[in-house]
N, C-alpha and C. Protein backbone atom coordinates (compact mmCIF):
# COMPACT_ATOMS: atom_id res chain seq x y z
N UNK A 1 -10.29 123.44 -0.21
CA UNK A 1 -9.52 124.06 0.63
C UNK A 1 -10.87 124.75 1.49
N UNK A 2 -11.26 124.78 2.76
CA UNK A 2 -12.28 125.42 3.42
C UNK A 2 -11.44 126.54 4.13
N UNK A 3 -12.64 127.58 3.37
CA UNK A 3 -11.88 129.02 4.15
C UNK A 3 -12.54 128.88 5.65
N UNK A 4 -12.43 130.03 6.62
CA UNK A 4 -12.50 129.83 8.01
C UNK A 4 -13.68 130.57 8.03
N UNK A 5 -14.58 130.02 9.09
CA UNK A 5 -16.31 130.74 9.12
C UNK A 5 -15.86 132.07 9.81
N UNK A 6 -17.12 133.21 9.51
CA UNK A 6 -17.06 134.46 10.26
C UNK A 6 -18.22 134.17 10.88
N UNK A 7 -18.38 134.88 12.01
CA UNK A 7 -19.61 135.14 12.80
C UNK A 7 -19.45 136.09 13.94
N UNK A 8 -20.58 136.83 13.99
CA UNK A 8 -20.16 138.42 14.71
C UNK A 8 -19.65 138.15 16.15
N UNK A 9 -19.15 139.14 16.64
CA UNK A 9 -18.81 138.92 17.86
C UNK A 9 -20.30 140.02 18.79
N UNK A 10 -20.30 138.88 19.84
CA UNK A 10 -21.35 139.90 20.96
C UNK A 10 -22.86 139.63 20.41
N UNK A 11 -22.67 139.14 19.22
CA UNK A 11 -24.33 139.37 18.84
C UNK A 11 -24.84 137.79 18.48
N UNK A 12 -25.74 137.38 17.98
CA UNK A 12 -25.90 136.64 18.17
C UNK A 12 -25.27 135.37 17.08
N UNK A 13 -25.34 134.08 17.37
CA UNK A 13 -24.43 133.60 16.81
C UNK A 13 -24.53 132.65 15.41
N UNK A 14 -25.35 133.27 14.74
CA UNK A 14 -26.57 132.63 13.60
C UNK A 14 -26.55 133.98 12.70
N UNK A 15 -25.96 135.33 13.21
CA UNK A 15 -25.64 136.57 12.54
C UNK A 15 -24.05 136.59 11.55
N UNK A 16 -23.91 136.17 10.97
CA UNK A 16 -22.86 136.34 10.08
C UNK A 16 -22.24 137.39 10.24
N UNK A 17 -20.76 137.93 10.02
CA UNK A 17 -19.85 138.86 10.28
C UNK A 17 -19.49 139.15 8.87
N UNK A 18 -19.95 140.27 7.91
CA UNK A 18 -19.02 140.13 6.27
C UNK A 18 -18.42 141.06 6.39
N UNK A 19 -17.61 140.95 7.67
CA UNK A 19 -16.53 141.82 7.46
C UNK A 19 -15.39 140.91 6.74
N UNK A 20 -14.68 141.45 5.55
CA UNK A 20 -13.75 140.55 5.36
C UNK A 20 -12.63 141.79 5.02
N UNK A 21 -11.13 140.93 4.45
CA UNK A 21 -10.01 141.50 4.61
C UNK A 21 -10.09 142.89 3.97
N UNK A 22 -11.09 143.12 2.89
CA UNK A 22 -10.89 143.80 1.65
C UNK A 22 -11.74 145.27 2.27
N UNK A 23 -12.28 145.57 3.90
CA UNK A 23 -12.75 146.25 4.59
C UNK A 23 -11.31 147.34 4.81
N UNK A 24 -10.53 146.81 5.28
CA UNK A 24 -9.27 147.17 5.86
C UNK A 24 -8.40 147.91 5.13
N UNK A 25 -7.43 149.17 5.48
CA UNK A 25 -7.06 150.08 4.35
C UNK A 25 -5.18 149.67 4.81
N UNK A 26 -4.61 149.74 4.68
CA UNK A 26 -3.05 150.28 5.27
C UNK A 26 -2.44 151.28 4.47
N UNK A 27 -1.00 151.71 4.59
CA UNK A 27 -0.19 152.72 3.92
C UNK A 27 0.61 152.40 3.21
N UNK A 28 1.00 152.49 2.16
CA UNK A 28 1.98 152.01 1.48
C UNK A 28 3.01 152.69 2.19
N UNK A 29 4.45 152.00 1.58
CA UNK A 29 5.74 152.17 2.34
C UNK A 29 6.09 153.66 2.20
N UNK A 30 5.51 154.33 0.76
CA UNK A 30 5.60 155.68 0.09
C UNK A 30 4.72 156.27 0.76
N UNK A 31 3.95 156.02 1.52
CA UNK A 31 2.75 156.69 2.17
C UNK A 31 1.79 156.74 1.49
N UNK A 32 1.24 156.39 0.72
CA UNK A 32 -0.02 156.58 -0.25
C UNK A 32 -1.05 155.50 0.32
N UNK A 33 -2.37 155.69 0.30
CA UNK A 33 -3.36 155.10 0.78
C UNK A 33 -2.90 153.66 -0.11
N UNK A 34 -3.55 152.68 0.79
CA UNK A 34 -3.07 150.95 0.29
C UNK A 34 -4.54 150.12 0.89
N UNK A 35 -5.82 150.57 0.32
CA UNK A 35 -6.90 150.16 0.53
C UNK A 35 -6.69 148.50 -0.26
N UNK A 36 -7.26 147.50 1.23
CA UNK A 36 -6.76 146.09 0.27
C UNK A 36 -8.29 145.40 -0.34
N UNK A 37 -9.13 146.55 -0.32
CA UNK A 37 -10.44 146.34 -1.50
C UNK A 37 -9.74 146.38 -3.13
N UNK A 38 -8.68 146.98 -3.44
CA UNK A 38 -7.81 147.03 -4.34
C UNK A 38 -8.05 145.92 -5.14
N UNK A 39 -7.70 144.90 -4.13
CA UNK A 39 -7.00 143.45 -4.08
C UNK A 39 -7.87 142.47 -4.46
N UNK A 40 -9.29 143.26 -4.54
CA UNK A 40 -10.54 142.27 -4.67
C UNK A 40 -10.54 141.42 -5.64
N UNK A 41 -10.76 139.97 -5.58
CA UNK A 41 -10.86 139.22 -6.85
C UNK A 41 -9.34 138.68 -7.10
N UNK A 42 -8.45 138.70 -6.30
CA UNK A 42 -6.97 138.18 -5.92
C UNK A 42 -6.83 137.83 -5.03
N UNK A 43 -5.96 136.42 -4.79
CA UNK A 43 -5.59 136.02 -3.62
C UNK A 43 -4.50 136.84 -3.26
N UNK A 44 -4.30 137.18 -1.78
CA UNK A 44 -3.47 137.83 -0.84
C UNK A 44 -3.02 137.27 -0.05
N UNK A 45 -1.21 137.36 0.09
CA UNK A 45 -0.76 136.56 1.17
C UNK A 45 -0.23 137.85 1.86
N UNK A 46 -0.58 137.98 2.88
CA UNK A 46 0.01 139.27 4.18
C UNK A 46 0.91 138.42 4.98
N UNK A 47 2.19 139.37 4.96
CA UNK A 47 3.25 138.74 5.98
C UNK A 47 3.69 139.94 6.62
N UNK A 48 4.09 140.15 8.30
CA UNK A 48 4.43 140.92 8.60
C UNK A 48 6.02 140.39 8.64
N UNK A 49 6.80 141.73 8.58
CA UNK A 49 8.43 141.21 7.76
C UNK A 49 9.08 142.00 8.92
N UNK A 50 10.18 141.55 9.00
CA UNK A 50 11.37 142.08 9.21
C UNK A 50 13.28 142.02 9.05
N UNK A 51 13.66 143.21 9.16
CA UNK A 51 14.83 143.72 8.45
C UNK A 51 15.89 142.60 8.89
N UNK A 52 16.08 142.64 10.14
CA UNK A 52 17.19 141.73 11.27
C UNK A 52 16.26 140.60 11.95
N UNK A 53 16.01 139.68 11.37
CA UNK A 53 15.29 138.45 12.01
C UNK A 53 16.39 137.05 11.21
N UNK A 54 16.20 135.89 11.74
CA UNK A 54 16.44 135.01 11.48
C UNK A 54 15.88 134.45 10.31
N UNK A 55 14.39 134.92 10.42
CA UNK A 55 13.56 134.71 8.85
C UNK A 55 13.85 135.77 7.84
N UNK A 56 14.55 136.69 7.93
CA UNK A 56 14.65 137.79 6.84
C UNK A 56 14.53 137.38 5.60
N UNK A 57 15.47 136.22 5.40
CA UNK A 57 15.62 135.33 4.50
C UNK A 57 14.49 134.97 3.67
N UNK A 58 13.46 135.03 4.19
CA UNK A 58 11.84 134.50 3.35
C UNK A 58 11.73 135.53 2.54
N UNK A 59 12.29 136.94 2.55
CA UNK A 59 11.52 137.99 1.80
C UNK A 59 12.43 137.38 0.37
N UNK A 60 13.39 136.41 0.16
CA UNK A 60 13.64 136.00 -1.31
C UNK A 60 12.78 135.11 -1.55
N UNK A 61 12.37 134.00 -0.96
CA UNK A 61 11.12 133.25 -1.11
C UNK A 61 9.51 133.80 -1.94
N UNK A 62 9.45 135.00 -1.12
CA UNK A 62 8.26 135.78 -0.93
C UNK A 62 8.38 136.68 -2.64
N UNK A 63 9.21 136.84 -2.55
CA UNK A 63 9.59 137.62 -4.11
C UNK A 63 9.47 136.44 -4.87
N UNK A 64 10.27 135.01 -5.43
CA UNK A 64 9.95 134.11 -5.94
C UNK A 64 8.80 133.83 -6.20
N UNK A 65 7.67 133.88 -5.15
CA UNK A 65 6.39 133.14 -5.04
C UNK A 65 5.77 134.02 -5.91
N UNK A 66 6.13 135.79 -5.64
CA UNK A 66 5.23 136.86 -6.04
C UNK A 66 5.42 136.74 -7.64
N UNK A 67 6.34 136.62 -8.12
CA UNK A 67 7.39 136.71 -9.62
C UNK A 67 6.96 135.25 -10.43
N UNK A 68 6.15 134.26 -9.50
CA UNK A 68 5.42 133.09 -9.93
C UNK A 68 4.52 133.04 -10.44
N UNK A 69 3.80 133.56 -9.82
CA UNK A 69 2.02 133.49 -9.24
C UNK A 69 1.32 135.32 -9.49
N UNK A 70 2.15 136.42 -9.70
CA UNK A 70 1.26 137.40 -9.96
C UNK A 70 0.58 137.16 -10.51
N UNK A 71 0.73 136.72 -12.09
CA UNK A 71 -0.13 136.83 -13.35
C UNK A 71 -0.84 136.40 -13.38
N UNK A 72 -0.94 135.60 -12.21
CA UNK A 72 -2.50 134.34 -12.34
C UNK A 72 -3.37 134.59 -11.32
N UNK A 73 -3.10 136.29 -10.46
CA UNK A 73 -4.00 136.61 -9.55
C UNK A 73 -2.92 136.80 -8.29
N UNK A 74 -1.87 136.51 -7.80
CA UNK A 74 -1.10 136.91 -6.59
C UNK A 74 -0.50 137.93 -6.21
N UNK A 75 -0.60 138.20 -5.10
CA UNK A 75 -0.57 139.66 -4.24
C UNK A 75 0.20 139.27 -3.26
N UNK A 76 1.86 139.54 -2.94
CA UNK A 76 2.08 139.51 -1.37
C UNK A 76 2.19 140.81 -1.38
N UNK A 77 2.04 141.40 -0.02
CA UNK A 77 1.77 142.40 0.58
C UNK A 77 2.72 141.92 1.87
N UNK A 78 3.74 142.31 2.17
CA UNK A 78 4.65 142.88 3.26
C UNK A 78 4.29 144.18 4.20
N UNK A 79 4.26 142.86 5.29
CA UNK A 79 4.07 144.35 6.47
C UNK A 79 5.20 144.28 7.82
N UNK A 80 5.73 145.72 7.24
CA UNK A 80 6.99 145.74 8.32
C UNK A 80 6.41 145.61 9.49
N UNK A 81 6.99 144.97 10.84
CA UNK A 81 6.90 145.71 12.25
C UNK A 81 7.98 144.92 12.55
N UNK A 82 7.82 145.78 13.85
CA UNK A 82 8.74 146.06 14.75
C UNK A 82 8.12 145.00 16.22
N UNK A 83 7.35 144.59 16.18
CA UNK A 83 6.56 143.92 17.21
C UNK A 83 7.68 142.45 17.97
N UNK A 84 8.77 142.42 17.13
CA UNK A 84 9.05 141.03 18.22
C UNK A 84 10.66 141.68 17.91
N UNK A 85 11.43 141.63 18.98
CA UNK A 85 13.21 141.41 18.93
C UNK A 85 13.17 142.39 18.74
N UNK A 86 12.21 143.51 18.53
CA UNK A 86 13.01 145.01 18.27
C UNK A 86 13.18 144.47 16.66
N UNK A 87 13.14 143.65 15.50
CA UNK A 87 13.77 143.19 14.46
C UNK A 87 13.72 144.23 13.14
N UNK A 88 13.24 145.44 13.19
CA UNK A 88 12.74 146.12 12.50
C UNK A 88 12.74 147.14 12.89
N UNK A 89 14.19 147.88 13.05
CA UNK A 89 14.63 148.96 13.58
C UNK A 89 14.42 150.52 12.86
N UNK A 90 14.29 150.03 11.26
CA UNK A 90 14.30 151.06 10.67
C UNK A 90 13.54 151.83 10.13
N UNK A 91 13.01 152.92 9.30
CA UNK A 91 12.07 153.73 9.01
C UNK A 91 12.02 153.18 7.70
N UNK A 92 10.67 153.49 7.14
CA UNK A 92 10.46 153.54 6.06
C UNK A 92 11.12 153.54 4.81
N UNK A 93 11.79 154.42 4.82
CA UNK A 93 13.30 154.30 3.56
C UNK A 93 14.29 153.31 3.68
N UNK A 94 14.92 153.34 5.17
CA UNK A 94 15.46 152.01 5.28
C UNK A 94 15.06 150.60 4.95
N UNK A 95 13.54 149.93 5.09
CA UNK A 95 13.34 149.12 4.74
C UNK A 95 13.45 148.98 3.39
N UNK A 96 12.46 149.87 2.74
CA UNK A 96 12.59 149.93 1.34
C UNK A 96 13.82 149.50 0.75
N UNK A 97 15.04 149.99 0.80
CA UNK A 97 15.91 150.14 0.24
C UNK A 97 16.48 148.89 0.62
N UNK A 98 16.59 148.48 2.39
CA UNK A 98 17.22 147.14 2.35
C UNK A 98 16.42 146.00 1.65
N UNK A 99 14.91 145.89 1.57
CA UNK A 99 14.57 144.74 1.06
C UNK A 99 14.58 145.03 -0.70
N UNK A 100 14.97 145.83 -1.06
CA UNK A 100 15.21 146.10 -2.38
C UNK A 100 16.45 145.71 -3.06
N UNK A 101 17.58 146.43 -1.95
CA UNK A 101 18.70 145.91 -2.72
C UNK A 101 19.82 144.84 -1.82
N UNK A 102 18.83 144.11 -0.49
CA UNK A 102 19.55 142.72 -0.94
C UNK A 102 18.54 141.96 -1.37
N UNK A 103 17.03 142.03 -1.80
CA UNK A 103 16.61 140.89 -1.72
C UNK A 103 15.43 140.92 -3.21
N UNK A 104 15.87 142.14 -3.24
CA UNK A 104 15.26 142.47 -5.11
C UNK A 104 13.75 142.55 -4.86
N UNK A 105 13.13 143.20 -3.64
CA UNK A 105 11.90 143.14 -3.39
C UNK A 105 10.97 144.00 -4.52
N UNK A 106 10.28 143.51 -4.84
CA UNK A 106 9.15 144.52 -5.67
C UNK A 106 7.67 144.40 -5.55
N UNK A 107 7.39 143.01 -4.72
CA UNK A 107 5.94 143.19 -4.28
C UNK A 107 5.37 144.30 -3.32
N UNK A 108 4.27 144.41 -2.89
CA UNK A 108 4.09 145.96 -2.01
C UNK A 108 4.34 145.53 -0.74
N UNK A 109 4.70 146.67 -0.23
CA UNK A 109 5.26 146.97 1.07
C UNK A 109 4.56 147.97 1.96
N UNK A 110 4.18 148.10 3.28
CA UNK A 110 3.55 148.74 3.83
C UNK A 110 4.31 149.71 4.60
N UNK A 111 3.55 150.34 5.33
CA UNK A 111 4.67 151.13 6.48
C UNK A 111 4.81 150.57 7.90
N UNK A 112 5.63 150.73 8.25
CA UNK A 112 6.08 149.84 9.93
C UNK A 112 5.02 149.67 10.41
N UNK A 113 4.28 148.85 10.37
CA UNK A 113 2.81 148.39 11.30
C UNK A 113 2.64 147.41 12.79
N UNK A 114 2.24 147.49 13.65
CA UNK A 114 1.53 147.03 14.94
C UNK A 114 0.70 145.54 14.53
N UNK A 115 1.27 144.51 14.52
CA UNK A 115 0.43 143.61 13.95
C UNK A 115 0.14 142.55 15.62
N UNK A 116 0.33 142.94 16.77
CA UNK A 116 -0.12 142.55 18.17
C UNK A 116 -0.36 143.67 18.68
N UNK A 117 -1.05 142.80 19.82
CA UNK A 117 -1.51 143.24 20.80
C UNK A 117 -3.16 144.61 20.75
N UNK A 118 -3.18 145.43 21.57
CA UNK A 118 -4.49 146.42 21.86
C UNK A 118 -4.31 147.68 20.74
N UNK A 119 -2.74 147.86 19.93
CA UNK A 119 -2.44 148.71 19.17
C UNK A 119 -2.02 148.24 18.25
N UNK A 120 -2.32 147.02 17.86
CA UNK A 120 -2.59 145.89 16.80
C UNK A 120 -3.39 146.60 15.56
N UNK A 121 -2.98 146.40 14.19
CA UNK A 121 -3.66 146.97 12.85
C UNK A 121 -4.88 146.39 12.74
N UNK A 122 -6.25 147.24 12.73
CA UNK A 122 -7.18 146.83 12.20
C UNK A 122 -7.27 145.22 11.78
N UNK A 123 -6.47 145.12 10.99
CA UNK A 123 -6.76 143.94 10.06
C UNK A 123 -6.12 142.85 11.06
N UNK A 124 -5.01 143.13 11.85
CA UNK A 124 -4.77 141.67 12.44
C UNK A 124 -5.66 141.72 13.50
N UNK A 125 -6.41 142.62 14.34
CA UNK A 125 -7.20 142.74 15.23
C UNK A 125 -8.68 141.61 14.66
N UNK A 126 -8.47 142.11 13.18
CA UNK A 126 -9.54 141.19 12.84
C UNK A 126 -9.63 139.44 12.57
N UNK A 127 -8.20 139.35 12.09
CA UNK A 127 -7.53 138.45 11.49
C UNK A 127 -7.19 137.21 12.83
N UNK A 128 -7.06 138.17 13.84
CA UNK A 128 -6.83 137.05 15.33
C UNK A 128 -8.18 136.89 15.20
N UNK A 129 -9.16 137.69 15.33
CA UNK A 129 -10.89 136.83 15.80
C UNK A 129 -11.10 136.15 14.68
N UNK A 130 -10.39 136.01 13.76
CA UNK A 130 -10.78 134.62 12.44
C UNK A 130 -10.25 133.46 13.17
N UNK A 131 -9.24 133.45 13.56
CA UNK A 131 -8.12 132.38 13.87
C UNK A 131 -7.95 131.84 15.56
N UNK A 132 -8.03 132.72 16.17
CA UNK A 132 -7.77 132.53 17.59
C UNK A 132 -6.36 132.86 17.75
N UNK A 133 -5.83 132.84 19.20
CA UNK A 133 -4.29 133.27 19.67
C UNK A 133 -3.46 132.08 18.80
N UNK A 134 -3.85 130.48 18.36
CA UNK A 134 -3.38 129.79 17.54
C UNK A 134 -2.62 129.93 16.73
N UNK A 135 -3.67 131.13 15.64
CA UNK A 135 -2.95 131.47 14.41
C UNK A 135 -2.74 133.00 14.49
N UNK A 136 -2.32 133.62 15.47
CA UNK A 136 -1.73 134.62 15.42
C UNK A 136 -0.58 134.83 15.63
N UNK A 137 -0.17 136.18 14.88
CA UNK A 137 1.89 136.24 14.72
C UNK A 137 1.92 136.01 16.17
N UNK A 138 3.42 134.81 15.93
CA UNK A 138 4.17 134.99 17.50
C UNK A 138 5.59 135.18 17.08
N UNK A 139 5.91 135.38 15.73
CA UNK A 139 7.23 136.17 15.40
C UNK A 139 6.96 136.47 13.85
N UNK A 140 7.59 137.26 13.51
CA UNK A 140 8.10 137.69 12.32
C UNK A 140 8.06 136.76 10.97
N UNK A 141 7.71 137.54 9.98
CA UNK A 141 7.16 136.04 8.64
C UNK A 141 5.98 135.10 9.12
N UNK A 142 4.71 135.90 10.05
CA UNK A 142 3.81 134.67 10.37
C UNK A 142 2.85 135.01 9.21
N UNK A 143 2.18 134.44 7.90
CA UNK A 143 1.36 134.48 6.97
C UNK A 143 -0.01 134.23 6.71
N UNK A 144 -0.66 135.40 6.46
CA UNK A 144 -2.44 135.12 6.23
C UNK A 144 -1.92 135.37 5.00
N UNK A 145 -3.09 133.76 4.41
CA UNK A 145 -3.63 134.00 2.86
C UNK A 145 -5.06 134.15 3.19
N UNK A 146 -5.35 134.64 2.57
CA UNK A 146 -6.75 135.60 1.93
C UNK A 146 -7.38 135.29 0.50
N UNK A 147 -8.80 134.58 0.61
CA UNK A 147 -8.99 134.36 -0.96
C UNK A 147 -9.53 135.95 -2.06
N UNK A 148 -10.05 135.36 -3.30
CA UNK A 148 -10.53 136.84 -3.95
C UNK A 148 -11.67 136.90 -3.41
N UNK A 149 -11.94 136.58 -2.32
CA UNK A 149 -13.58 137.03 -2.22
C UNK A 149 -13.42 138.09 -0.50
N UNK A 150 -12.02 137.84 -0.18
CA UNK A 150 -11.29 138.23 0.70
C UNK A 150 -11.86 137.55 2.24
N UNK A 151 -11.93 137.04 2.42
CA UNK A 151 -12.28 135.67 3.36
C UNK A 151 -10.76 135.19 3.82
N UNK A 152 -10.46 134.71 5.09
CA UNK A 152 -8.88 134.54 5.54
C UNK A 152 -9.60 132.75 5.34
N UNK A 153 -8.36 132.57 4.30
CA UNK A 153 -8.62 130.87 4.19
C UNK A 153 -7.43 130.09 5.42
N UNK A 154 -6.40 130.56 5.61
CA UNK A 154 -5.65 129.82 6.44
C UNK A 154 -4.54 130.77 6.76
N UNK A 155 -3.59 130.23 7.68
CA UNK A 155 -2.51 130.82 8.08
C UNK A 155 -1.16 129.96 8.21
N UNK A 156 -0.49 130.66 7.99
CA UNK A 156 1.01 129.96 8.07
C UNK A 156 2.20 130.12 9.20
N UNK A 157 2.63 129.82 9.85
CA UNK A 157 3.96 130.53 10.86
C UNK A 157 4.96 130.87 10.49
N UNK A 158 5.54 131.40 10.97
CA UNK A 158 7.00 131.67 10.68
C UNK A 158 8.04 131.10 9.90
N UNK A 159 7.43 129.81 10.94
CA UNK A 159 8.61 128.71 10.25
C UNK A 159 7.98 128.00 8.97
N UNK A 160 7.34 128.38 8.41
CA UNK A 160 6.69 127.93 7.22
C UNK A 160 7.46 128.69 5.86
N UNK A 161 7.85 128.48 5.37
CA UNK A 161 8.68 129.60 4.08
C UNK A 161 7.43 129.48 3.18
N UNK A 162 7.87 130.59 2.73
CA UNK A 162 7.24 130.61 1.15
C UNK A 162 7.43 130.03 0.05
N UNK A 163 7.75 128.80 0.25
CA UNK A 163 8.29 127.72 -0.88
C UNK A 163 8.14 126.16 -0.57
N UNK A 164 7.44 126.39 1.02
CA UNK A 164 7.04 125.34 1.45
C UNK A 164 5.75 124.39 0.52
N UNK A 165 5.45 123.12 0.16
CA UNK A 165 5.27 122.69 -0.30
C UNK A 165 3.48 122.84 -0.06
N UNK A 166 2.97 123.07 1.24
CA UNK A 166 1.43 123.14 1.99
C UNK A 166 1.20 124.45 1.26
N UNK A 167 2.42 125.60 1.42
CA UNK A 167 1.63 127.51 1.35
C UNK A 167 1.64 127.22 -0.05
N UNK A 168 2.52 126.85 -0.85
CA UNK A 168 2.68 126.67 -2.80
C UNK A 168 1.08 126.33 -3.06
N UNK A 169 0.85 125.02 -2.33
CA UNK A 169 -0.70 123.90 -2.31
C UNK A 169 -1.73 125.04 -2.58
N UNK A 170 -1.79 125.77 -0.98
CA UNK A 170 -2.76 126.37 -1.14
C UNK A 170 -2.73 127.79 -1.93
N UNK A 171 -2.05 128.16 -2.06
CA UNK A 171 -1.97 129.08 -2.52
C UNK A 171 -2.44 128.88 -3.64
N UNK A 172 -1.86 127.77 -4.82
CA UNK A 172 -2.32 127.94 -6.07
C UNK A 172 -4.00 127.12 -6.13
N UNK A 173 -4.67 126.60 -5.13
CA UNK A 173 -5.76 126.11 -5.22
C UNK A 173 -6.56 127.17 -5.18
N UNK A 174 -6.57 128.83 -4.93
CA UNK A 174 -7.01 129.48 -4.66
C UNK A 174 -7.36 130.49 -6.50
N UNK A 175 -6.02 130.39 -7.09
CA UNK A 175 -5.71 130.81 -8.31
C UNK A 175 -6.52 130.16 -9.32
N UNK A 176 -6.88 131.42 -10.23
CA UNK A 176 -7.51 130.29 -11.60
C UNK A 176 -6.07 129.62 -12.29
N UNK A 177 -7.08 128.43 -12.80
CA UNK A 177 -6.21 127.95 -14.06
C UNK A 177 -5.22 128.35 -14.66
N UNK A 178 -3.73 127.98 -15.17
CA UNK A 178 -3.05 129.44 -15.92
C UNK A 178 -2.87 127.61 -17.59
N UNK A 179 -2.64 128.67 -18.41
CA UNK A 179 -2.86 127.48 -19.48
C UNK A 179 -1.41 129.01 -20.38
N UNK A 180 -0.75 127.98 -21.38
CA UNK A 180 0.32 128.99 -21.97
C UNK A 180 -0.60 129.28 -23.42
């Protein structure tokens, strides 16, 4: 699998942009700092989520993916967002309780975060610069796959479920071999 190339914006085309996902910090749903650098060396699937969306059932598949691959180094990070259709109206307590009680979510979640527009979280602005408009979130449950080195490897639209063969294969390609 080929990682997406990074080039600096506004500088010479030959100057590489050394920014990676590990540069960015979120805040956990419990209000604690959540630097992505803490996941250096692991594969990271970043997903913008919502509790009242037609794709909300993907929480179950994300939890299954997390449980199946976390021992090999996968981290699923849910980023609740109200950017699309007002489908995440709750506060952090309501989001945490909903995802845990309805879908048994144990993977990390952030506070509610903007993922589109000028007010988007810096991680999402960086990701958009990497993949362009086509690869940026158009709805809830858009997914970015980040390699162990912090580089954005690929993206998956909302309609690609967490158990889709191509998503699972992309994750598996980034993880170390597993032996019992």
